N, C-alpha and C. Protein backbone atom coordinates (compact mmCIF):
# COMPACT_ATOMS: atom_id res chain seq x y z
N UNK A 1 -24.84 18.12 11.15
CA UNK A 1 -24.95 17.37 12.35
C UNK A 1 -24.38 18.33 13.49
N UNK A 2 -25.22 18.41 14.51
CA UNK A 2 -24.81 19.27 15.60
C UNK A 2 -23.62 18.71 16.35
N UNK A 3 -23.05 19.41 17.28
CA UNK A 3 -21.96 19.04 18.15
C UNK A 3 -22.22 17.80 18.88
N UNK A 4 -23.36 17.71 19.50
CA UNK A 4 -23.77 16.52 20.33
C UNK A 4 -23.87 15.32 19.40
N UNK A 5 -24.57 15.42 18.23
CA UNK A 5 -24.64 14.30 17.30
C UNK A 5 -23.30 13.88 16.74
N UNK A 6 -22.40 14.76 16.63
CA UNK A 6 -21.09 14.45 16.21
C UNK A 6 -20.30 13.59 17.17
N UNK A 7 -20.49 13.94 18.48
CA UNK A 7 -19.91 13.35 19.55
C UNK A 7 -20.41 11.95 19.90
N UNK A 8 -21.79 11.85 19.73
CA UNK A 8 -22.40 10.45 19.74
C UNK A 8 -22.00 9.57 18.65
N UNK A 9 -21.91 10.09 17.43
CA UNK A 9 -21.45 9.28 16.35
C UNK A 9 -19.91 8.83 16.49
N UNK A 10 -19.19 9.81 16.99
CA UNK A 10 -17.74 9.47 17.18
C UNK A 10 -17.54 8.38 18.29
N UNK A 11 -18.23 8.52 19.45
CA UNK A 11 -18.16 7.54 20.39
C UNK A 11 -18.69 6.18 20.06
N UNK A 12 -19.78 6.17 19.15
CA UNK A 12 -20.32 4.83 18.64
C UNK A 12 -19.25 4.25 17.78
N UNK A 13 -18.62 4.95 16.99
CA UNK A 13 -17.46 4.40 16.14
C UNK A 13 -16.35 3.91 17.01
N UNK A 14 -16.02 4.62 17.98
CA UNK A 14 -15.01 4.09 18.88
C UNK A 14 -15.31 2.91 19.58
N UNK A 15 -16.63 2.84 20.07
CA UNK A 15 -17.09 1.63 20.78
C UNK A 15 -17.03 0.44 19.81
N UNK A 16 -17.42 0.66 18.60
CA UNK A 16 -17.54 -0.47 17.59
C UNK A 16 -16.14 -1.04 17.42
N UNK A 17 -15.19 -0.11 17.18
CA UNK A 17 -13.79 -0.47 16.83
C UNK A 17 -13.21 -1.22 18.07
N UNK A 18 -13.44 -0.71 19.22
CA UNK A 18 -12.92 -1.33 20.47
C UNK A 18 -13.45 -2.72 20.71
N UNK A 19 -14.72 -2.91 20.41
CA UNK A 19 -15.42 -4.30 20.49
C UNK A 19 -14.87 -5.30 19.50
N UNK A 20 -14.75 -4.80 18.30
CA UNK A 20 -14.22 -5.81 17.29
C UNK A 20 -12.75 -5.69 17.06
N UNK A 21 -12.12 -5.06 17.92
CA UNK A 21 -10.65 -4.94 17.89
C UNK A 21 -10.12 -4.56 16.45
N UNK A 22 -10.77 -3.50 15.95
CA UNK A 22 -10.34 -3.06 14.66
C UNK A 22 -9.88 -1.61 14.73
N UNK A 23 -9.50 -1.15 15.88
CA UNK A 23 -9.01 0.22 16.06
C UNK A 23 -7.81 0.44 15.23
N UNK A 24 -7.78 1.55 14.49
CA UNK A 24 -6.70 1.90 13.66
C UNK A 24 -6.64 1.16 12.35
N UNK A 25 -7.81 0.53 12.02
CA UNK A 25 -7.85 -0.12 10.68
C UNK A 25 -9.03 0.47 9.82
N UNK A 26 -9.01 0.19 8.56
CA UNK A 26 -10.08 0.56 7.80
C UNK A 26 -9.80 1.81 7.06
N UNK A 27 -10.70 2.21 6.11
CA UNK A 27 -10.44 3.33 5.15
C UNK A 27 -10.32 4.63 5.86
N UNK A 28 -10.95 4.84 6.94
CA UNK A 28 -10.73 6.03 7.73
C UNK A 28 -9.41 6.38 8.20
N UNK A 29 -8.68 5.23 8.54
CA UNK A 29 -7.38 5.32 9.14
C UNK A 29 -6.24 5.25 8.15
N UNK A 30 -6.53 4.89 6.96
CA UNK A 30 -5.50 4.77 5.90
C UNK A 30 -5.10 6.11 5.37
N UNK A 31 -3.81 6.26 5.20
CA UNK A 31 -3.27 7.57 4.63
C UNK A 31 -3.74 7.58 3.15
N UNK A 32 -3.99 8.78 2.66
CA UNK A 32 -4.40 8.95 1.27
C UNK A 32 -3.36 8.50 0.33
N UNK A 33 -2.09 8.91 0.62
CA UNK A 33 -1.00 8.59 -0.20
C UNK A 33 0.07 7.83 0.59
N UNK A 34 0.79 6.94 -0.02
CA UNK A 34 1.93 6.19 0.68
C UNK A 34 3.12 6.59 -0.11
N UNK A 35 4.17 6.69 0.71
CA UNK A 35 5.47 7.03 0.09
C UNK A 35 6.59 6.36 0.82
N UNK A 36 7.48 5.64 0.13
CA UNK A 36 8.52 4.92 0.64
C UNK A 36 9.65 4.77 -0.43
N UNK A 37 10.90 4.82 -0.10
CA UNK A 37 11.91 4.66 -1.12
C UNK A 37 11.89 3.22 -1.76
N UNK A 38 12.23 3.37 -3.00
CA UNK A 38 12.22 2.05 -3.79
C UNK A 38 13.61 1.93 -4.46
N UNK A 39 14.17 0.69 -4.36
CA UNK A 39 15.52 0.51 -4.86
C UNK A 39 15.82 0.61 -6.23
N UNK A 40 15.08 -0.11 -7.15
CA UNK A 40 15.47 -0.19 -8.56
C UNK A 40 14.26 -0.16 -9.39
N UNK A 41 14.45 -0.08 -10.73
CA UNK A 41 13.42 -0.18 -11.63
C UNK A 41 12.49 -1.41 -11.55
N UNK A 42 13.15 -2.53 -11.19
CA UNK A 42 12.45 -3.77 -11.08
C UNK A 42 11.54 -3.67 -9.79
N UNK A 43 11.97 -3.11 -8.75
CA UNK A 43 11.24 -2.86 -7.54
C UNK A 43 10.03 -1.92 -7.77
N UNK A 44 10.33 -0.87 -8.60
CA UNK A 44 9.31 0.13 -8.91
C UNK A 44 8.18 -0.60 -9.74
N UNK A 45 8.53 -1.38 -10.66
CA UNK A 45 7.52 -2.14 -11.37
C UNK A 45 6.69 -3.03 -10.51
N UNK A 46 7.28 -3.65 -9.48
CA UNK A 46 6.50 -4.46 -8.46
C UNK A 46 5.56 -3.62 -7.65
N UNK A 47 6.08 -2.38 -7.26
CA UNK A 47 5.11 -1.57 -6.52
C UNK A 47 3.97 -1.05 -7.33
N UNK A 48 4.30 -0.63 -8.60
CA UNK A 48 3.22 -0.20 -9.57
C UNK A 48 2.25 -1.38 -9.80
N UNK A 49 2.77 -2.59 -9.98
CA UNK A 49 1.91 -3.71 -10.17
C UNK A 49 1.00 -3.88 -9.03
N UNK A 50 1.44 -3.75 -7.74
CA UNK A 50 0.67 -3.75 -6.49
C UNK A 50 -0.54 -2.64 -6.60
N UNK A 51 -0.15 -1.47 -7.01
CA UNK A 51 -1.16 -0.44 -7.06
C UNK A 51 -2.18 -0.69 -8.13
N UNK A 52 -1.67 -1.13 -9.29
CA UNK A 52 -2.63 -1.43 -10.33
C UNK A 52 -3.60 -2.54 -10.16
N UNK A 53 -3.13 -3.46 -9.23
CA UNK A 53 -4.05 -4.72 -9.18
C UNK A 53 -4.89 -4.62 -7.83
N UNK A 54 -4.92 -3.37 -7.21
CA UNK A 54 -5.65 -3.28 -5.93
C UNK A 54 -7.15 -3.56 -6.17
N UNK A 55 -7.80 -3.01 -7.17
CA UNK A 55 -9.32 -3.25 -7.39
C UNK A 55 -9.52 -4.68 -7.83
N UNK A 56 -8.55 -5.21 -8.54
CA UNK A 56 -8.78 -6.64 -9.02
C UNK A 56 -8.60 -7.51 -7.79
N UNK A 57 -7.53 -7.32 -6.98
CA UNK A 57 -7.31 -8.18 -5.74
C UNK A 57 -8.41 -8.07 -4.79
N UNK A 58 -9.20 -6.94 -4.74
CA UNK A 58 -10.26 -6.71 -3.86
C UNK A 58 -11.64 -7.24 -4.52
N UNK A 59 -11.43 -7.83 -5.63
CA UNK A 59 -12.51 -8.42 -6.46
C UNK A 59 -13.71 -7.42 -6.75
N UNK A 60 -13.17 -6.23 -7.06
CA UNK A 60 -14.13 -5.24 -7.55
C UNK A 60 -14.37 -5.28 -9.05
N UNK A 61 -13.45 -5.97 -9.69
CA UNK A 61 -13.53 -6.00 -11.14
C UNK A 61 -12.94 -7.45 -11.57
N UNK A 62 -13.30 -7.97 -12.75
CA UNK A 62 -12.89 -9.27 -13.03
C UNK A 62 -11.53 -9.30 -13.80
N UNK A 63 -11.16 -8.18 -14.45
CA UNK A 63 -9.87 -8.03 -15.02
C UNK A 63 -9.28 -6.65 -14.54
N UNK A 64 -7.99 -6.69 -14.26
CA UNK A 64 -7.43 -5.40 -13.78
C UNK A 64 -7.41 -4.30 -14.74
N UNK A 65 -7.43 -4.65 -16.04
CA UNK A 65 -7.36 -3.56 -17.08
C UNK A 65 -8.73 -2.94 -17.34
N UNK A 66 -9.74 -3.51 -16.84
CA UNK A 66 -11.15 -2.99 -17.02
C UNK A 66 -11.50 -2.01 -15.92
N UNK A 67 -10.77 -1.89 -14.93
CA UNK A 67 -11.12 -0.94 -13.80
C UNK A 67 -10.80 0.58 -14.34
N UNK A 68 -11.93 1.18 -14.61
CA UNK A 68 -11.80 2.53 -15.28
C UNK A 68 -11.19 3.57 -14.31
N UNK A 69 -10.96 3.33 -13.14
CA UNK A 69 -10.46 4.35 -12.27
C UNK A 69 -8.98 4.17 -12.00
N UNK A 70 -8.40 3.13 -12.78
CA UNK A 70 -6.90 2.86 -12.60
C UNK A 70 -6.27 3.35 -13.93
N UNK A 71 -4.92 3.57 -13.74
CA UNK A 71 -4.12 3.98 -14.97
C UNK A 71 -3.93 2.93 -15.95
N UNK A 72 -4.02 1.62 -15.48
CA UNK A 72 -3.76 0.54 -16.45
C UNK A 72 -4.83 0.59 -17.52
N UNK A 73 -6.05 0.82 -17.26
CA UNK A 73 -7.12 0.92 -18.21
C UNK A 73 -6.85 2.01 -19.12
N UNK A 74 -6.53 3.13 -18.67
CA UNK A 74 -6.26 4.34 -19.51
C UNK A 74 -5.07 4.13 -20.29
N UNK A 75 -4.00 3.45 -19.84
CA UNK A 75 -2.78 3.32 -20.60
C UNK A 75 -3.11 2.29 -21.78
N UNK A 76 -3.77 1.20 -21.45
CA UNK A 76 -4.06 0.20 -22.53
C UNK A 76 -5.02 0.76 -23.56
N UNK A 77 -5.98 1.49 -23.21
CA UNK A 77 -6.97 2.07 -24.03
C UNK A 77 -6.60 3.28 -24.78
N UNK A 78 -5.49 3.91 -24.31
CA UNK A 78 -5.03 5.16 -24.82
C UNK A 78 -6.14 6.18 -24.80
N UNK A 79 -6.77 6.38 -23.65
CA UNK A 79 -7.89 7.32 -23.44
C UNK A 79 -7.41 8.76 -23.42
N UNK A 80 -8.38 9.63 -23.60
CA UNK A 80 -8.10 11.04 -23.47
C UNK A 80 -7.40 11.33 -22.16
N UNK A 81 -7.95 10.76 -21.04
CA UNK A 81 -7.45 11.02 -19.73
C UNK A 81 -5.92 10.53 -19.68
N UNK A 82 -5.65 9.55 -20.33
CA UNK A 82 -4.23 9.06 -20.28
C UNK A 82 -3.40 10.05 -21.04
N UNK A 83 -3.70 10.55 -22.05
CA UNK A 83 -2.86 11.46 -22.92
C UNK A 83 -2.74 12.85 -22.24
N UNK A 84 -3.89 13.25 -21.57
CA UNK A 84 -3.87 14.61 -21.06
C UNK A 84 -3.56 14.77 -19.60
N UNK A 85 -3.97 13.74 -18.76
CA UNK A 85 -3.85 13.89 -17.34
C UNK A 85 -2.93 12.99 -16.66
N UNK A 86 -2.63 11.81 -17.17
CA UNK A 86 -1.80 10.80 -16.38
C UNK A 86 -0.31 11.04 -16.82
N UNK A 87 0.52 11.25 -15.83
CA UNK A 87 1.89 11.37 -16.10
C UNK A 87 2.48 10.14 -16.63
N UNK A 88 3.57 10.23 -17.33
CA UNK A 88 4.31 9.09 -17.74
C UNK A 88 5.15 8.51 -16.68
N UNK A 89 5.42 7.26 -16.65
CA UNK A 89 6.39 6.71 -15.71
C UNK A 89 7.69 7.13 -15.93
N UNK A 90 8.56 6.94 -14.87
CA UNK A 90 9.93 7.29 -15.08
C UNK A 90 10.68 6.15 -15.79
N UNK A 91 9.98 5.03 -16.00
CA UNK A 91 10.56 3.93 -16.79
C UNK A 91 9.42 3.39 -17.69
N UNK A 92 9.88 2.71 -18.71
CA UNK A 92 8.83 2.15 -19.63
C UNK A 92 8.15 0.97 -19.07
N UNK A 93 6.78 0.90 -19.27
CA UNK A 93 6.01 -0.31 -18.90
C UNK A 93 6.48 -1.50 -19.74
N UNK A 94 6.49 -2.64 -19.11
CA UNK A 94 6.78 -3.81 -19.93
C UNK A 94 5.73 -4.15 -20.92
N UNK A 95 5.97 -4.77 -22.00
CA UNK A 95 4.87 -5.04 -22.98
C UNK A 95 3.79 -5.97 -22.40
N UNK A 96 4.21 -6.92 -21.44
CA UNK A 96 3.23 -7.85 -20.88
C UNK A 96 2.72 -7.26 -19.48
N UNK A 97 2.68 -5.99 -19.33
CA UNK A 97 2.32 -5.54 -18.01
C UNK A 97 0.94 -5.90 -17.55
N UNK A 98 -0.05 -5.99 -18.52
CA UNK A 98 -1.41 -6.40 -18.12
C UNK A 98 -1.38 -7.85 -17.58
N UNK A 99 -0.61 -8.78 -18.15
CA UNK A 99 -0.58 -10.09 -17.64
C UNK A 99 0.21 -10.08 -16.24
N UNK A 100 1.26 -9.36 -16.07
CA UNK A 100 2.01 -9.22 -14.81
C UNK A 100 1.04 -8.73 -13.71
N UNK A 101 0.23 -7.74 -14.04
CA UNK A 101 -0.77 -7.17 -13.01
C UNK A 101 -1.73 -8.22 -12.62
N UNK A 102 -2.21 -9.04 -13.53
CA UNK A 102 -3.11 -10.08 -13.22
C UNK A 102 -2.52 -11.22 -12.44
N UNK A 103 -1.20 -11.47 -12.56
CA UNK A 103 -0.65 -12.45 -11.82
C UNK A 103 -0.53 -12.15 -10.35
N UNK A 104 -0.70 -13.17 -9.52
CA UNK A 104 -0.61 -13.01 -8.07
C UNK A 104 0.80 -12.79 -7.63
N UNK A 105 1.07 -12.19 -6.59
CA UNK A 105 2.36 -12.02 -5.93
C UNK A 105 2.77 -13.24 -5.16
N UNK A 106 4.07 -13.52 -5.14
CA UNK A 106 4.67 -14.57 -4.16
C UNK A 106 4.39 -14.16 -2.85
N UNK A 107 4.51 -15.05 -1.94
CA UNK A 107 4.32 -14.79 -0.41
C UNK A 107 5.31 -13.77 0.02
N UNK A 108 6.54 -13.92 -0.41
CA UNK A 108 7.62 -12.95 0.03
C UNK A 108 7.34 -11.60 -0.54
N UNK A 109 6.95 -11.46 -1.81
CA UNK A 109 6.59 -10.22 -2.32
C UNK A 109 5.51 -9.51 -1.67
N UNK A 110 4.44 -10.22 -1.32
CA UNK A 110 3.29 -9.81 -0.66
C UNK A 110 3.57 -9.26 0.71
N UNK A 111 4.48 -10.10 1.48
CA UNK A 111 4.88 -9.74 2.86
C UNK A 111 5.63 -8.43 2.75
N UNK A 112 6.69 -8.32 1.85
CA UNK A 112 7.48 -7.10 1.83
C UNK A 112 6.76 -5.92 1.48
N UNK A 113 5.78 -6.06 0.39
CA UNK A 113 5.01 -4.98 0.04
C UNK A 113 4.12 -4.36 1.07
N UNK A 114 3.44 -5.47 1.80
CA UNK A 114 2.56 -5.13 2.88
C UNK A 114 3.33 -4.33 3.99
N UNK A 115 4.58 -4.73 4.37
CA UNK A 115 5.38 -4.12 5.31
C UNK A 115 5.76 -2.60 4.88
N UNK A 116 6.03 -2.54 3.64
CA UNK A 116 6.40 -1.11 3.03
C UNK A 116 5.24 -0.24 3.01
N UNK A 117 4.10 -0.73 2.60
CA UNK A 117 2.94 0.13 2.56
C UNK A 117 2.45 0.46 3.93
N UNK A 118 2.42 -0.44 4.89
CA UNK A 118 1.88 -0.18 6.20
C UNK A 118 2.80 0.69 7.06
N UNK A 119 4.12 0.45 6.89
CA UNK A 119 5.06 1.17 7.77
C UNK A 119 5.89 2.22 7.11
N UNK A 120 5.92 2.30 5.75
CA UNK A 120 6.78 3.18 5.10
C UNK A 120 8.25 2.73 5.13
N UNK A 121 8.45 1.44 5.09
CA UNK A 121 9.75 0.90 5.08
C UNK A 121 10.28 0.87 3.62
N UNK A 122 11.48 1.24 3.39
CA UNK A 122 11.93 1.14 1.96
C UNK A 122 11.72 -0.24 1.33
N UNK A 123 11.59 -0.32 0.00
CA UNK A 123 11.25 -1.52 -0.70
C UNK A 123 12.41 -1.86 -1.61
N UNK A 124 13.12 -2.99 -1.31
CA UNK A 124 14.25 -3.47 -2.10
C UNK A 124 14.82 -4.62 -1.40
N UNK A 125 16.05 -4.94 -1.75
CA UNK A 125 16.68 -6.10 -1.11
C UNK A 125 17.05 -5.78 0.26
N UNK A 126 17.33 -6.85 1.05
CA UNK A 126 17.43 -6.59 2.59
C UNK A 126 18.60 -5.76 2.89
N UNK A 127 19.74 -5.84 2.24
CA UNK A 127 20.98 -5.06 2.61
C UNK A 127 20.64 -3.55 2.19
N UNK A 128 19.96 -3.36 1.07
CA UNK A 128 19.77 -2.05 0.63
C UNK A 128 18.82 -1.40 1.56
N UNK A 129 17.69 -2.15 1.96
CA UNK A 129 16.66 -1.51 2.84
C UNK A 129 17.30 -1.17 4.21
N UNK A 130 18.16 -1.97 4.77
CA UNK A 130 18.85 -1.60 6.07
C UNK A 130 19.73 -0.37 5.81
N UNK A 131 20.42 -0.30 4.80
CA UNK A 131 21.30 0.85 4.56
C UNK A 131 20.52 2.15 4.38
N UNK A 132 19.39 2.14 3.61
CA UNK A 132 18.60 3.36 3.34
C UNK A 132 17.86 3.71 4.64
N UNK A 133 17.39 2.78 5.40
CA UNK A 133 16.71 3.03 6.69
C UNK A 133 17.66 3.76 7.63
N UNK A 134 18.88 3.30 7.71
CA UNK A 134 19.87 3.86 8.54
C UNK A 134 20.20 5.39 8.00
N UNK A 135 20.44 5.56 6.70
CA UNK A 135 20.81 6.88 6.23
C UNK A 135 19.62 7.89 6.31
N UNK A 136 18.38 7.46 6.22
CA UNK A 136 17.18 8.33 6.31
C UNK A 136 16.43 8.38 7.56
N UNK A 137 17.08 7.72 8.53
CA UNK A 137 16.51 7.76 9.91
C UNK A 137 15.10 7.04 9.96
N UNK A 138 15.04 5.95 9.26
CA UNK A 138 13.80 5.16 9.12
C UNK A 138 13.79 3.88 10.05
N UNK A 139 14.78 3.76 10.92
CA UNK A 139 14.85 2.58 11.74
C UNK A 139 13.65 2.25 12.55
N UNK A 140 12.93 3.31 12.99
CA UNK A 140 11.75 3.17 13.83
C UNK A 140 10.66 2.40 13.06
N UNK A 141 10.60 2.68 11.70
CA UNK A 141 9.58 2.01 10.85
C UNK A 141 9.86 0.60 10.74
N UNK A 142 11.09 0.19 10.94
CA UNK A 142 11.50 -1.22 10.79
C UNK A 142 11.24 -2.13 11.90
N UNK A 143 11.13 -1.42 13.07
CA UNK A 143 10.74 -2.23 14.34
C UNK A 143 9.29 -2.43 14.55
N UNK A 144 8.80 -3.53 15.12
CA UNK A 144 7.40 -3.77 15.27
C UNK A 144 6.85 -2.62 16.23
N UNK A 145 5.54 -2.29 16.05
CA UNK A 145 4.89 -1.33 16.79
C UNK A 145 4.68 -1.74 18.22
N UNK A 146 4.64 -0.80 19.03
CA UNK A 146 4.35 -1.13 20.43
C UNK A 146 5.53 -1.45 21.31
N UNK A 147 5.26 -1.70 22.53
CA UNK A 147 6.29 -2.11 23.49
C UNK A 147 6.77 -3.52 23.23
N UNK A 148 8.07 -3.76 23.44
CA UNK A 148 8.51 -5.11 23.31
C UNK A 148 7.91 -6.11 24.25
N UNK A 149 7.66 -7.30 23.88
CA UNK A 149 7.05 -8.30 24.83
C UNK A 149 8.10 -8.62 25.88
N UNK A 150 7.58 -8.94 27.07
CA UNK A 150 8.48 -9.32 28.26
C UNK A 150 8.98 -10.68 27.99
N UNK A 151 10.25 -11.01 28.23
CA UNK A 151 10.78 -12.28 28.08
C UNK A 151 10.36 -13.13 29.29
N UNK A 152 9.96 -14.41 28.98
CA UNK A 152 9.46 -15.37 30.08
C UNK A 152 10.65 -15.48 31.15
N UNK A 153 10.17 -15.37 32.38
CA UNK A 153 10.97 -15.50 33.53
C UNK A 153 11.63 -14.22 33.99
N UNK A 154 11.47 -13.12 33.30
CA UNK A 154 11.97 -11.88 33.74
C UNK A 154 10.78 -10.93 34.15
N UNK A 155 11.12 -10.19 35.22
CA UNK A 155 9.95 -9.32 35.73
C UNK A 155 10.58 -8.01 36.00
């Protein structure tokens, strides 16, 4: 694609996102890898469960363990890829991890995970999250994006 074609394609994309108010969303804008501090083994298992059930939650597959591009499938089937390429976890998987991955998250888990994934906020209990955010200078990730709304009656 020439320079002009690239420019036209880019502006078309920008126009589309501006019209549908989807600017900054979608697979083009998502970071390839996400990283945020996790408090404990229990919290790590929750985050791993979130990752393992992505294809299932997006309804790309009927069972999370059947998604051949996820480590859950390779772990359960003990495939060659699992034994040669997939690193072991820092903790042991629970024996019922397939059932846990298939189970839906509670609203509070879903909200907290979404916040951590989108903003890079530490994942754990509230006191620990605040402590880690302060120690690692992550307070800006904890605040909502953008300028604060004006309070009614103030100009």
